[in-house]
Amino acid sequence: MPEDKELFLKMVKDFYNSDSVLHKIPIENALETFYEVTSDSPYARAYIFESNRIVTGYGLVSITYSNEVGGKVLWLEELYIRNKYRNLGLGGNFLDYLHKKFKNKVKRFRLELTADNYVAKGLYLKRGFKTLKYVQMINDVKKSDFETKDN
């Protein structure tokens, strides 16, 4: 997969310039993700989709643990299908693949999406996902948060 770096970065850039996300990310974040998923990380995996030797998109997943379900959770971090390959069942195929591969290894599949991404929401609802009433909150850690006067 190291040879796929430029292709991966291009697709991530396309994804983060779409209506499927709330904001863009620095390209350095995508580069860090690429290095993480190509390092045999136990936390993150990337999948590049191909059809007839043509790259059609990618998916990113991560594994966490949840006390709520008493086990591991597979997070679908990103699912991106290039425009001209949408509505061909590729996203659904990927979800089916993940379910088959991880159904005995995790207790929950989880994802997030923007509220107005109705096409994706329809796909997820058809695959058995339910809408949670949780409010998502974040607190991004900055490098300076780890620095002290002694450093």
Protein backbone atom coordinates (compact mmCIF):
# COMPACT_ATOMS: atom_id res chain seq x y z
CA MET A 1 0.00 0.00 0.00
CA PRO A 2 2.89 2.53 0.31
CA GLU A 3 2.63 2.99 -3.46
CA ASP A 4 -0.96 4.20 -2.96
CA LYS A 5 0.00 7.27 -0.92
CA GLU A 6 -0.68 9.94 -3.56
CA LEU A 7 -3.90 8.28 -4.63
CA PHE A 8 -5.08 8.02 -1.01
CA LEU A 9 -4.22 11.66 -0.30
CA LYS A 10 -6.10 12.80 -3.41
CA MET A 11 -9.23 10.89 -2.42
CA VAL A 12 -9.06 12.20 1.16
CA LYS A 13 -8.77 15.73 -0.22
CA ASP A 14 -11.83 15.12 -2.44
CA PHE A 15 -13.78 13.71 0.52
CA TYR A 16 -12.95 16.66 2.76
CA ASN A 17 -13.96 19.10 0.04
CA SER A 18 -17.40 17.51 -0.24
CA ASP A 19 -20.74 18.09 1.48
CA SER A 20 -20.22 14.85 3.44
CA VAL A 21 -18.09 16.60 6.05
CA LEU A 22 -18.42 19.73 8.14
CA HIS A 23 -14.92 21.09 7.60
CA LYS A 24 -11.65 20.50 5.79
CA ILE A 25 -8.60 18.96 7.41
CA PRO A 26 -4.93 19.74 6.94
CA ILE A 27 -3.24 17.42 4.46
CA GLU A 28 -0.77 16.57 7.24
CA ASN A 29 -3.62 14.77 9.05
CA ALA A 30 -4.26 12.57 6.02
CA LEU A 31 -0.55 11.87 5.75
CA GLU A 32 -0.42 10.83 9.42
CA THR A 33 -3.42 8.57 8.80
CA PHE A 34 -1.69 7.02 5.81
CA TYR A 35 1.39 6.25 7.90
CA GLU A 36 -0.79 4.81 10.69
CA VAL A 37 -2.71 2.43 8.42
CA THR A 38 0.42 1.27 6.61
CA SER A 39 2.24 0.48 9.86
CA ASP A 40 0.16 -2.55 10.90
CA SER A 41 -1.63 -0.42 13.48
CA PRO A 42 -4.12 -2.27 15.70
CA TYR A 43 -6.24 0.91 15.80
CA ALA A 44 -6.85 1.89 12.18
CA ARG A 45 -7.26 0.20 8.82
CA ALA A 46 -7.73 1.56 5.34
CA TYR A 47 -9.34 -0.09 2.35
CA ILE A 48 -8.95 1.12 -1.22
CA PHE A 49 -11.79 -0.02 -3.46
CA GLU A 50 -11.19 -1.22 -7.00
CA SER A 51 -13.48 -2.37 -9.75
CA ASN A 52 -11.93 -3.77 -12.92
CA ARG A 53 -8.54 -2.38 -11.78
CA ILE A 54 -9.99 1.13 -11.44
CA VAL A 55 -9.86 2.78 -8.03
CA THR A 56 -13.40 3.71 -7.01
CA GLY A 57 -13.00 4.94 -3.43
CA TYR A 58 -11.77 4.15 0.06
CA GLY A 59 -12.89 3.35 3.57
CA LEU A 60 -11.27 3.97 6.95
CA VAL A 61 -12.15 2.09 10.12
CA SER A 62 -10.87 2.14 13.67
CA ILE A 63 -11.34 -0.12 16.68
CA THR A 64 -12.26 1.13 20.16
CA TYR A 65 -13.64 -0.40 23.33
CA SER A 66 -17.01 0.48 24.83
CA ASN A 67 -18.23 -0.23 28.33
CA GLU A 68 -21.74 0.48 27.04
CA VAL A 69 -21.70 -2.69 24.93
CA GLY A 70 -19.05 -4.55 26.91
CA GLY A 71 -16.74 -5.02 23.97
CA LYS A 72 -14.98 -3.68 20.95
CA VAL A 73 -16.57 -1.22 18.54
CA LEU A 74 -15.71 -0.86 14.88
CA TRP A 75 -15.97 2.81 13.87
CA LEU A 76 -16.55 3.53 10.22
CA GLU A 77 -14.45 6.68 10.12
CA GLU A 78 -14.77 7.48 6.44
CA LEU A 79 -16.48 5.99 3.43
CA TYR A 80 -15.76 7.74 0.14
CA ILE A 81 -16.89 6.66 -3.31
CA ARG A 82 -15.73 8.68 -6.30
CA ASN A 83 -18.61 10.54 -7.98
CA LYS A 84 -18.91 8.48 -11.14
CA TYR A 85 -18.99 5.21 -9.17
CA ARG A 86 -21.74 6.19 -6.73
CA ASN A 87 -25.09 4.40 -6.64
CA LEU A 88 -23.52 1.16 -7.88
CA GLY A 89 -23.71 -0.63 -4.53
CA LEU A 90 -20.04 -0.15 -3.61
CA GLY A 91 -20.75 1.45 -0.22
CA GLY A 92 -23.23 -1.28 0.66
CA ASN A 93 -20.76 -3.94 -0.45
CA PHE A 94 -18.14 -2.45 1.86
CA LEU A 95 -20.54 -2.41 4.80
CA ASP A 96 -21.44 -6.05 4.10
CA TYR A 97 -17.73 -6.93 3.93
CA LEU A 98 -17.05 -5.22 7.28
CA HIS A 99 -19.98 -6.98 8.92
CA LYS A 100 -18.82 -10.38 7.68
CA LYS A 101 -15.17 -9.76 8.61
CA PHE A 102 -15.78 -8.27 12.08
CA LYS A 103 -19.12 -9.70 13.26
CA ASN A 104 -17.45 -12.11 15.71
CA LYS A 105 -14.73 -9.63 16.71
CA VAL A 106 -16.76 -6.55 17.67
CA LYS A 107 -20.04 -5.97 19.48
CA ARG A 108 -21.04 -2.78 17.70
CA PHE A 109 -20.58 -0.99 14.41
CA ARG A 110 -20.69 2.79 14.74
CA LEU A 111 -20.37 5.82 12.47
CA GLU A 112 -21.17 9.48 12.23
CA LEU A 113 -22.45 11.52 9.34
CA THR A 114 -23.64 15.04 8.65
CA ALA A 115 -27.34 15.57 9.34
CA ASP A 116 -28.16 16.45 5.73
CA ASN A 117 -26.33 13.51 4.10
CA TYR A 118 -29.61 11.75 3.31
CA VAL A 119 -28.23 9.36 0.70
CA ALA A 120 -25.64 7.95 3.11
CA LYS A 121 -28.17 7.86 5.94
CA GLY A 122 -30.51 5.79 3.77
CA LEU A 123 -27.73 3.31 3.04
CA TYR A 124 -26.87 2.97 6.72
CA LEU A 125 -30.50 2.58 7.79
CA LYS A 126 -30.96 -0.19 5.19
CA ARG A 127 -27.95 -1.97 6.72
CA GLY A 128 -29.46 -1.92 10.22
CA PHE A 129 -27.88 1.20 11.72
CA LYS A 130 -30.00 3.25 14.11
CA THR A 131 -29.81 6.95 14.88
CA LEU A 132 -28.53 7.74 18.38
CA LYS A 133 -29.70 10.71 20.40
CA TYR A 134 -26.21 11.47 21.68
CA VAL A 135 -24.65 14.84 21.03
CA GLN A 136 -21.11 14.53 19.76
CA MET A 137 -18.52 16.73 21.48
CA ILE A 138 -14.79 17.07 20.86
CA ASN A 139 -11.78 18.59 22.51
CA ASP A 140 -8.83 18.47 20.12
CA VAL A 141 -5.51 18.01 21.87
CA LYS A 142 -2.87 20.43 20.68
CA LYS A 143 0.84 19.86 20.99
CA SER A 144 1.04 22.85 23.32
CA ASP A 145 -1.33 21.05 25.74
CA PHE A 146 1.53 18.66 26.55
CA GLU A 147 4.15 21.34 27.02
CA THR A 148 5.00 22.60 30.49
CA LYS A 149 7.31 25.29 31.77
CA ASP A 150 9.94 22.60 32.34
CA ASN A 151 10.00 21.59 28.64
